[in-house]
Amino acid sequence: MSFNDNPTNREIGAAGEDAAVQYLKSKGFVILETNWRFGQAEVDIIAKDKTDLVFVEVKTRSSNKFGEPEMAVNKAKQRMYQRLATGYIEKKNLNMDVRFDIIAIVNKILEPEIFHIKDAFYPYN
């Protein structure tokens, strides 16, 4: 994952999502969907990790100057992911344990730093 001199936020995000997909595959995850939409909301990655259905939010930053990327996954984003998970499970008629992960990426000069936070948050009742 490398950037030109002035990447846009969209370019940074797309490169981060590509890096996250490759990272997950290297860890044995099966990628089921990328950028899956449900209504107005979108999930970055839906994957299978053994018996778990994993909804992954990818947060990429060119630096951590303004804080760690994972801090941007606020309560509203977490609730949105829960709605997405419910919609996906109903649409695909699945019966699996669900997990919500975050992959936080900070681009460095030679190689990105990738932090995989499993069970980053839990569904609300």
C-alpha atoms as a PDB file:
ATOM      1  CA  MET A   1       0.000   0.000   0.000  1.00  0.00           C
ATOM      2  CA  SER A   2       1.697   3.141  -1.154  1.00  0.00           C
ATOM      3  CA  PHE A   3       0.336   6.557  -1.850  1.00  0.00           C
ATOM      4  CA  ASN A   4       1.240   9.314  -4.244  1.00  0.00           C
ATOM      5  CA  ASP A   5       2.253  12.703  -2.822  1.00  0.00           C
ATOM      6  CA  ASN A   6      -1.280  13.926  -2.089  1.00  0.00           C
ATOM      7  CA  PRO A   7      -3.765  11.056  -1.918  1.00  0.00           C
ATOM      8  CA  THR A   8      -7.430  11.796  -1.462  1.00  0.00           C
ATOM      9  CA  ASN A   9      -9.321  10.374   1.501  1.00  0.00           C
ATOM     10  CA  ARG A  10     -11.092   8.044  -0.926  1.00  0.00           C
ATOM     11  CA  GLU A  11      -7.738   6.750  -2.250  1.00  0.00           C
ATOM     12  CA  ILE A  12      -6.442   6.249   1.291  1.00  0.00           C
ATOM     13  CA  GLY A  13      -9.624   4.376   2.256  1.00  0.00           C
ATOM     14  CA  ALA A  14      -9.617   2.174  -0.861  1.00  0.00           C
ATOM     15  CA  ALA A  15      -5.945   1.265  -0.375  1.00  0.00           C
ATOM     16  CA  GLY A  16      -6.656   0.455   3.276  1.00  0.00           C
ATOM     17  CA  GLU A  17      -9.585  -1.792   2.388  1.00  0.00           C
ATOM     18  CA  ASP A  18      -7.448  -3.639  -0.175  1.00  0.00           C
ATOM     19  CA  ALA A  19      -4.706  -4.124   2.433  1.00  0.00           C
ATOM     20  CA  ALA A  20      -7.294  -5.328   4.972  1.00  0.00           C
ATOM     21  CA  VAL A  21      -8.683  -7.912   2.534  1.00  0.00           C
ATOM     22  CA  GLN A  22      -5.185  -9.258   1.846  1.00  0.00           C
ATOM     23  CA  TYR A  23      -4.412  -9.302   5.562  1.00  0.00           C
ATOM     24  CA  LEU A  24      -7.607 -11.228   6.399  1.00  0.00           C
ATOM     25  CA  LYS A  25      -6.993 -13.739   3.616  1.00  0.00           C
ATOM     26  CA  SER A  26      -3.480 -14.314   4.955  1.00  0.00           C
ATOM     27  CA  LYS A  27      -5.035 -15.140   8.341  1.00  0.00           C
ATOM     28  CA  GLY A  28      -7.386 -17.734   6.837  1.00  0.00           C
ATOM     29  CA  PHE A  29     -10.546 -15.639   6.571  1.00  0.00           C
ATOM     30  CA  VAL A  30     -12.867 -16.253   3.632  1.00  0.00           C
ATOM     31  CA  ILE A  31     -14.003 -12.944   2.157  1.00  0.00           C
ATOM     32  CA  LEU A  32     -17.729 -13.072   1.407  1.00  0.00           C
ATOM     33  CA  GLU A  33     -18.442  -9.457   0.490  1.00  0.00           C
ATOM     34  CA  THR A  34     -16.730  -6.106   0.175  1.00  0.00           C
ATOM     35  CA  ASN A  35     -18.561  -2.790   0.280  1.00  0.00           C
ATOM     36  CA  TRP A  36     -21.920  -4.510   0.827  1.00  0.00           C
ATOM     37  CA  ARG A  37     -24.824  -2.077   0.990  1.00  0.00           C
ATOM     38  CA  PHE A  38     -28.030  -2.297   2.974  1.00  0.00           C
ATOM     39  CA  GLY A  39     -30.198   0.754   2.463  1.00  0.00           C
ATOM     40  CA  GLN A  40     -27.982   3.808   2.838  1.00  0.00           C
ATOM     41  CA  ALA A  41     -25.378   1.987   4.951  1.00  0.00           C
ATOM     42  CA  GLU A  42     -22.325   0.062   3.812  1.00  0.00           C
ATOM     43  CA  VAL A  43     -20.048  -2.489   5.458  1.00  0.00           C
ATOM     44  CA  ASP A  44     -16.425  -2.575   4.336  1.00  0.00           C
ATOM     45  CA  ILE A  45     -15.845  -6.332   4.579  1.00  0.00           C
ATOM     46  CA  ILE A  46     -17.952  -9.357   5.462  1.00  0.00           C
ATOM     47  CA  ALA A  47     -15.876 -12.467   6.060  1.00  0.00           C
ATOM     48  CA  LYS A  48     -16.058 -15.911   7.549  1.00  0.00           C
ATOM     49  CA  ASP A  49     -13.568 -16.831  10.276  1.00  0.00           C
ATOM     50  CA  LYS A  50     -14.021 -20.518  11.038  1.00  0.00           C
ATOM     51  CA  THR A  51     -17.655 -20.563  12.256  1.00  0.00           C
ATOM     52  CA  ASP A  52     -18.038 -16.803  12.830  1.00  0.00           C
ATOM     53  CA  LEU A  53     -19.568 -14.312  10.434  1.00  0.00           C
ATOM     54  CA  VAL A  54     -17.371 -11.230  10.796  1.00  0.00           C
ATOM     55  CA  PHE A  55     -18.344  -7.690   9.888  1.00  0.00           C
ATOM     56  CA  VAL A  56     -15.204  -5.610   9.506  1.00  0.00           C
ATOM     57  CA  GLU A  57     -14.916  -1.839   9.617  1.00  0.00           C
ATOM     58  CA  VAL A  58     -11.651  -0.636   8.090  1.00  0.00           C
ATOM     59  CA  LYS A  59     -10.273   2.699   9.241  1.00  0.00           C
ATOM     60  CA  THR A  60      -7.199   3.966   7.426  1.00  0.00           C
ATOM     61  CA  ARG A  61      -5.193   7.083   8.143  1.00  0.00           C
ATOM     62  CA  SER A  62      -2.063   8.447   6.535  1.00  0.00           C
ATOM     63  CA  SER A  63      -0.794   9.139  10.067  1.00  0.00           C
ATOM     64  CA  ASN A  64      -2.086   8.975  13.620  1.00  0.00           C
ATOM     65  CA  LYS A  65      -1.506  12.697  14.111  1.00  0.00           C
ATOM     66  CA  PHE A  66      -5.168  13.209  14.974  1.00  0.00           C
ATOM     67  CA  GLY A  67      -5.664  10.002  16.953  1.00  0.00           C
ATOM     68  CA  GLU A  68      -5.855   6.308  16.336  1.00  0.00           C
ATOM     69  CA  PRO A  69      -8.058   5.282  13.392  1.00  0.00           C
ATOM     70  CA  GLU A  70     -10.205   2.894  15.443  1.00  0.00           C
ATOM     71  CA  MET A  71     -11.404   5.786  17.607  1.00  0.00           C
ATOM     72  CA  ALA A  72     -13.557   6.915  14.665  1.00  0.00           C
ATOM     73  CA  VAL A  73     -15.885   3.926  15.126  1.00  0.00           C
ATOM     74  CA  ASN A  74     -18.396   5.664  17.379  1.00  0.00           C
ATOM     75  CA  LYS A  75     -21.669   4.374  18.849  1.00  0.00           C
ATOM     76  CA  ALA A  76     -23.682   5.484  15.818  1.00  0.00           C
ATOM     77  CA  LYS A  77     -21.355   3.546  13.489  1.00  0.00           C
ATOM     78  CA  GLN A  78     -21.614   0.514  15.773  1.00  0.00           C
ATOM     79  CA  ARG A  79     -25.434   0.632  15.679  1.00  0.00           C
ATOM     80  CA  MET A  80     -25.313   0.966  11.899  1.00  0.00           C
ATOM     81  CA  TYR A  81     -23.146  -2.153  11.706  1.00  0.00           C
ATOM     82  CA  GLN A  82     -25.638  -4.037  13.840  1.00  0.00           C
ATOM     83  CA  ARG A  83     -28.439  -3.098  11.414  1.00  0.00           C
ATOM     84  CA  LEU A  84     -26.254  -4.166   8.490  1.00  0.00           C
ATOM     85  CA  ALA A  85     -25.515  -7.510  10.153  1.00  0.00           C
ATOM     86  CA  THR A  86     -29.204  -8.139  10.806  1.00  0.00           C
ATOM     87  CA  GLY A  87     -30.041  -7.282   7.198  1.00  0.00           C
ATOM     88  CA  TYR A  88     -27.305  -9.502   5.813  1.00  0.00           C
ATOM     89  CA  ILE A  89     -28.239 -12.463   7.989  1.00  0.00           C
ATOM     90  CA  GLU A  90     -31.918 -12.169   7.075  1.00  0.00           C
ATOM     91  CA  LYS A  91     -31.220 -11.714   3.361  1.00  0.00           C
ATOM     92  CA  LYS A  92     -28.843 -14.682   3.210  1.00  0.00           C
ATOM     93  CA  ASN A  93     -30.907 -16.781   5.667  1.00  0.00           C
ATOM     94  CA  LEU A  94     -27.861 -17.530   7.850  1.00  0.00           C
ATOM     95  CA  ASN A  95     -27.564 -18.910  11.339  1.00  0.00           C
ATOM     96  CA  MET A  96     -24.026 -18.091  12.496  1.00  0.00           C
ATOM     97  CA  ASP A  97     -22.318 -16.389  15.392  1.00  0.00           C
ATOM     98  CA  VAL A  98     -21.588 -12.768  14.520  1.00  0.00           C
ATOM     99  CA  ARG A  99     -18.537 -10.758  15.407  1.00  0.00           C
ATOM    100  CA  PHE A 100     -17.670  -7.122  14.788  1.00  0.00           C
ATOM    101  CA  ASP A 101     -13.995  -6.384  14.122  1.00  0.00           C
ATOM    102  CA  ILE A 102     -12.067  -3.256  13.290  1.00  0.00           C
ATOM    103  CA  ILE A 103      -8.955  -3.132  11.194  1.00  0.00           C
ATOM    104  CA  ALA A 104      -7.067   0.087  11.855  1.00  0.00           C
ATOM    105  CA  ILE A 105      -4.335   0.976   9.400  1.00  0.00           C
ATOM    106  CA  VAL A 106      -1.767   3.731   9.695  1.00  0.00           C
ATOM    107  CA  ASN A 107       0.293   4.193   6.560  1.00  0.00           C
ATOM    108  CA  LYS A 108       4.005   4.351   7.186  1.00  0.00           C
ATOM    109  CA  ILE A 109       6.768   5.121   4.712  1.00  0.00           C
ATOM    110  CA  LEU A 110       7.703   1.520   3.856  1.00  0.00           C
ATOM    111  CA  GLU A 111       4.752  -0.548   5.025  1.00  0.00           C
ATOM    112  CA  PRO A 112       1.388   0.079   6.670  1.00  0.00           C
ATOM    113  CA  GLU A 113       0.849  -0.802  10.301  1.00  0.00           C
ATOM    114  CA  ILE A 114      -2.220  -3.024  10.516  1.00  0.00           C
ATOM    115  CA  PHE A 115      -4.010  -3.504  13.834  1.00  0.00           C
ATOM    116  CA  HIS A 116      -6.757  -6.124  13.895  1.00  0.00           C
ATOM    117  CA  ILE A 117      -9.129  -5.638  16.799  1.00  0.00           C
ATOM    118  CA  LYS A 118     -11.328  -8.717  17.179  1.00  0.00           C
ATOM    119  CA  ASP A 119     -14.665  -8.295  18.973  1.00  0.00           C
ATOM    120  CA  ALA A 120     -14.128  -4.544  18.820  1.00  0.00           C
ATOM    121  CA  PHE A 121     -17.706  -3.933  19.914  1.00  0.00           C
ATOM    122  CA  TYR A 122     -20.820  -5.900  20.755  1.00  0.00           C
ATOM    123  CA  PRO A 123     -24.376  -5.604  19.462  1.00  0.00           C
ATOM    124  CA  TYR A 124     -26.803  -3.533  21.460  1.00  0.00           C
ATOM    125  CA  ASN A 125     -30.031  -5.003  22.720  1.00  0.00           C
END
